[in-house]
Amino acid sequence: MKENKKFTSILKIVYFVGLIGLGFYAVGYIFVEWLATGQIDLSNLNILLPLVLGLPALLSSFSFSFITSLTRLV
C-alpha cells in the first residue's frame, strides 16, 4: 500500500508538471506569434484551447484507469 501511495504522488507530480509545461507552451506560442507579426491570430486559439483543456481530462482518465488496474493486482 505504501508503494502505491508513492507511485500516485509521482503521477501527480508528472501530471502537474505536464500541465504547467503545456500552459507555458500555449502562452509562449501566442507571445512569439505576437512578436513576429504584431497581431494575435485568434484561429490559433482554436488549436491551442482544446489541447490545453483536453490534456487534463486525458491524463486524469488514463491515470485513474492505470491506478485502478494496479489496485486490482494487490
N, C-alpha and C. Protein backbone atom coordinates (compact mmCIF):
# COMPACT_ATOMS: atom_id res chain seq x y z
N MET A 1 0.82 -1.19 0.00
CA MET A 1 0.00 0.00 0.00
C MET A 1 0.86 1.26 0.00
N LYS A 2 2.01 1.16 0.69
CA LYS A 2 2.89 2.32 0.76
C LYS A 2 3.48 2.64 -0.61
N GLU A 3 3.82 1.61 -1.38
CA GLU A 3 4.38 1.84 -2.71
C GLU A 3 3.35 2.47 -3.63
N ASN A 4 2.09 2.11 -3.45
CA ASN A 4 1.03 2.65 -4.28
C ASN A 4 0.86 4.15 -4.02
N LYS A 5 0.97 4.58 -2.76
CA LYS A 5 0.87 6.00 -2.45
C LYS A 5 2.04 6.76 -3.05
N LYS A 6 3.22 6.17 -3.00
CA LYS A 6 4.39 6.83 -3.58
C LYS A 6 4.22 6.95 -5.09
N PHE A 7 3.71 5.90 -5.71
CA PHE A 7 3.50 5.92 -7.16
C PHE A 7 2.48 6.97 -7.56
N THR A 8 1.39 7.08 -6.80
CA THR A 8 0.38 8.08 -7.13
C THR A 8 0.91 9.49 -6.91
N SER A 9 1.76 9.68 -5.92
CA SER A 9 2.34 11.01 -5.73
C SER A 9 3.27 11.36 -6.89
N ILE A 10 3.99 10.38 -7.41
CA ILE A 10 4.84 10.62 -8.57
C ILE A 10 3.98 10.94 -9.79
N LEU A 11 2.87 10.24 -9.96
CA LEU A 11 1.96 10.53 -11.07
C LEU A 11 1.39 11.93 -10.97
N LYS A 12 1.06 12.36 -9.76
CA LYS A 12 0.53 13.71 -9.58
C LYS A 12 1.57 14.75 -9.97
N ILE A 13 2.81 14.52 -9.59
CA ILE A 13 3.88 15.46 -9.93
C ILE A 13 4.06 15.53 -11.44
N VAL A 14 4.09 14.38 -12.09
CA VAL A 14 4.23 14.35 -13.55
C VAL A 14 3.05 15.05 -14.22
N TYR A 15 1.86 14.84 -13.70
CA TYR A 15 0.65 15.45 -14.24
C TYR A 15 0.73 16.98 -14.14
N PHE A 16 1.08 17.49 -12.97
CA PHE A 16 1.12 18.94 -12.79
C PHE A 16 2.26 19.58 -13.58
N VAL A 17 3.39 18.92 -13.66
CA VAL A 17 4.50 19.46 -14.45
C VAL A 17 4.12 19.49 -15.93
N GLY A 18 3.46 18.44 -16.41
CA GLY A 18 3.00 18.43 -17.80
C GLY A 18 1.97 19.50 -18.08
N LEU A 19 1.07 19.72 -17.14
CA LEU A 19 0.04 20.74 -17.31
C LEU A 19 0.65 22.14 -17.32
N ILE A 20 1.59 22.38 -16.43
CA ILE A 20 2.26 23.69 -16.39
C ILE A 20 3.08 23.89 -17.66
N GLY A 21 3.78 22.85 -18.11
CA GLY A 21 4.56 22.95 -19.33
C GLY A 21 3.70 23.22 -20.55
N LEU A 22 2.55 22.59 -20.61
CA LEU A 22 1.64 22.83 -21.73
C LEU A 22 1.09 24.25 -21.70
N GLY A 23 0.82 24.75 -20.52
CA GLY A 23 0.37 26.14 -20.40
C GLY A 23 1.44 27.12 -20.86
N PHE A 24 2.70 26.86 -20.46
CA PHE A 24 3.80 27.70 -20.91
C PHE A 24 3.97 27.62 -22.42
N TYR A 25 3.76 26.44 -22.98
CA TYR A 25 3.87 26.28 -24.43
C TYR A 25 2.82 27.12 -25.14
N ALA A 26 1.58 27.06 -24.65
CA ALA A 26 0.50 27.80 -25.30
C ALA A 26 0.73 29.31 -25.20
N VAL A 27 1.11 29.77 -24.02
CA VAL A 27 1.35 31.21 -23.85
C VAL A 27 2.55 31.65 -24.68
N GLY A 28 3.61 30.85 -24.69
CA GLY A 28 4.79 31.18 -25.48
C GLY A 28 4.51 31.19 -26.97
N TYR A 29 3.69 30.26 -27.42
CA TYR A 29 3.34 30.19 -28.83
C TYR A 29 2.62 31.46 -29.27
N ILE A 30 1.65 31.88 -28.46
CA ILE A 30 0.89 33.09 -28.79
C ILE A 30 1.78 34.32 -28.70
N PHE A 31 2.64 34.37 -27.67
CA PHE A 31 3.52 35.53 -27.49
C PHE A 31 4.52 35.66 -28.63
N VAL A 32 5.12 34.56 -29.05
CA VAL A 32 6.09 34.61 -30.15
C VAL A 32 5.41 35.01 -31.45
N GLU A 33 4.20 34.54 -31.65
CA GLU A 33 3.48 34.94 -32.86
C GLU A 33 3.18 36.44 -32.82
N TRP A 34 2.84 36.93 -31.64
CA TRP A 34 2.59 38.37 -31.50
C TRP A 34 3.87 39.16 -31.77
N LEU A 35 5.02 38.66 -31.30
CA LEU A 35 6.29 39.34 -31.57
C LEU A 35 6.62 39.32 -33.06
N ALA A 36 6.34 38.22 -33.71
CA ALA A 36 6.72 38.07 -35.12
C ALA A 36 5.82 38.88 -36.04
N THR A 37 4.52 38.89 -35.77
CA THR A 37 3.58 39.51 -36.71
C THR A 37 2.99 40.81 -36.19
N GLY A 38 3.06 41.05 -34.90
CA GLY A 38 2.46 42.25 -34.34
C GLY A 38 0.97 42.12 -34.09
N GLN A 39 0.42 40.97 -34.35
CA GLN A 39 -1.01 40.74 -34.08
C GLN A 39 -1.21 39.31 -33.64
N ILE A 40 -2.29 39.09 -32.95
CA ILE A 40 -2.62 37.75 -32.48
C ILE A 40 -3.73 37.20 -33.36
N ASP A 41 -3.45 36.10 -34.00
CA ASP A 41 -4.44 35.44 -34.84
C ASP A 41 -5.27 34.50 -33.96
N LEU A 42 -6.54 34.79 -33.83
CA LEU A 42 -7.39 34.01 -32.93
C LEU A 42 -7.65 32.60 -33.45
N SER A 43 -7.32 32.33 -34.71
CA SER A 43 -7.52 30.97 -35.21
C SER A 43 -6.56 29.99 -34.54
N ASN A 44 -5.44 30.49 -34.03
CA ASN A 44 -4.53 29.61 -33.29
C ASN A 44 -5.14 29.14 -31.99
N LEU A 45 -6.01 29.94 -31.42
CA LEU A 45 -6.67 29.53 -30.18
C LEU A 45 -7.58 28.33 -30.43
N ASN A 46 -8.07 28.18 -31.65
CA ASN A 46 -8.89 27.01 -31.97
C ASN A 46 -8.08 25.73 -31.88
N ILE A 47 -6.78 25.83 -32.06
CA ILE A 47 -5.90 24.66 -31.95
C ILE A 47 -5.42 24.49 -30.51
N LEU A 48 -5.03 25.59 -29.88
CA LEU A 48 -4.41 25.50 -28.55
C LEU A 48 -5.42 25.27 -27.44
N LEU A 49 -6.61 25.84 -27.55
CA LEU A 49 -7.57 25.72 -26.45
C LEU A 49 -8.02 24.29 -26.22
N PRO A 50 -8.39 23.52 -27.24
CA PRO A 50 -8.72 22.11 -26.97
C PRO A 50 -7.53 21.31 -26.46
N LEU A 51 -6.33 21.68 -26.88
CA LEU A 51 -5.14 21.00 -26.40
C LEU A 51 -4.96 21.23 -24.91
N VAL A 52 -5.11 22.47 -24.47
CA VAL A 52 -4.94 22.81 -23.06
C VAL A 52 -6.08 22.24 -22.23
N LEU A 53 -7.30 22.30 -22.74
CA LEU A 53 -8.44 21.80 -21.97
C LEU A 53 -8.57 20.29 -22.03
N GLY A 54 -8.13 19.68 -23.11
CA GLY A 54 -8.31 18.24 -23.26
C GLY A 54 -7.25 17.40 -22.58
N LEU A 55 -6.06 17.94 -22.40
CA LEU A 55 -4.99 17.16 -21.79
C LEU A 55 -5.28 16.77 -20.34
N PRO A 56 -5.80 17.67 -19.51
CA PRO A 56 -6.10 17.22 -18.14
C PRO A 56 -7.11 16.09 -18.09
N ALA A 57 -8.12 16.16 -18.95
CA ALA A 57 -9.12 15.08 -18.97
C ALA A 57 -8.49 13.78 -19.44
N LEU A 58 -7.64 13.86 -20.44
CA LEU A 58 -6.98 12.67 -20.95
C LEU A 58 -6.05 12.06 -19.91
N LEU A 59 -5.25 12.90 -19.27
CA LEU A 59 -4.32 12.40 -18.27
C LEU A 59 -5.03 11.85 -17.05
N SER A 60 -6.08 12.52 -16.61
CA SER A 60 -6.77 12.04 -15.41
C SER A 60 -7.48 10.73 -15.69
N SER A 61 -8.07 10.57 -16.87
CA SER A 61 -8.73 9.30 -17.17
C SER A 61 -7.71 8.18 -17.32
N PHE A 62 -6.55 8.49 -17.92
CA PHE A 62 -5.52 7.48 -18.05
C PHE A 62 -4.96 7.08 -16.69
N SER A 63 -4.64 8.08 -15.86
CA SER A 63 -4.06 7.77 -14.56
C SER A 63 -5.06 7.05 -13.67
N PHE A 64 -6.35 7.40 -13.78
CA PHE A 64 -7.36 6.72 -12.97
C PHE A 64 -7.47 5.25 -13.37
N SER A 65 -7.52 4.98 -14.67
CA SER A 65 -7.64 3.59 -15.10
C SER A 65 -6.37 2.81 -14.78
N PHE A 66 -5.22 3.47 -14.88
CA PHE A 66 -3.96 2.80 -14.57
C PHE A 66 -3.86 2.48 -13.08
N ILE A 67 -4.26 3.42 -12.24
CA ILE A 67 -4.19 3.20 -10.79
C ILE A 67 -5.18 2.14 -10.36
N THR A 68 -6.38 2.14 -10.94
CA THR A 68 -7.35 1.10 -10.57
C THR A 68 -6.88 -0.27 -11.02
N SER A 69 -6.19 -0.34 -12.15
CA SER A 69 -5.67 -1.64 -12.56
C SER A 69 -4.55 -2.10 -11.63
N LEU A 70 -3.78 -1.16 -11.09
CA LEU A 70 -2.74 -1.54 -10.14
C LEU A 70 -3.33 -2.02 -8.82
N THR A 71 -4.42 -1.39 -8.39
CA THR A 71 -5.01 -1.80 -7.11
C THR A 71 -5.64 -3.18 -7.20
N ARG A 72 -6.03 -3.57 -8.39
CA ARG A 72 -6.59 -4.92 -8.55
C ARG A 72 -5.51 -5.99 -8.41
N LEU A 73 -4.27 -5.61 -8.70
CA LEU A 73 -3.18 -6.58 -8.60
C LEU A 73 -2.77 -6.85 -7.16
N VAL A 74 -3.02 -5.89 -6.29
CA VAL A 74 -2.59 -6.02 -4.89
C VAL A 74 -3.55 -6.87 -4.10
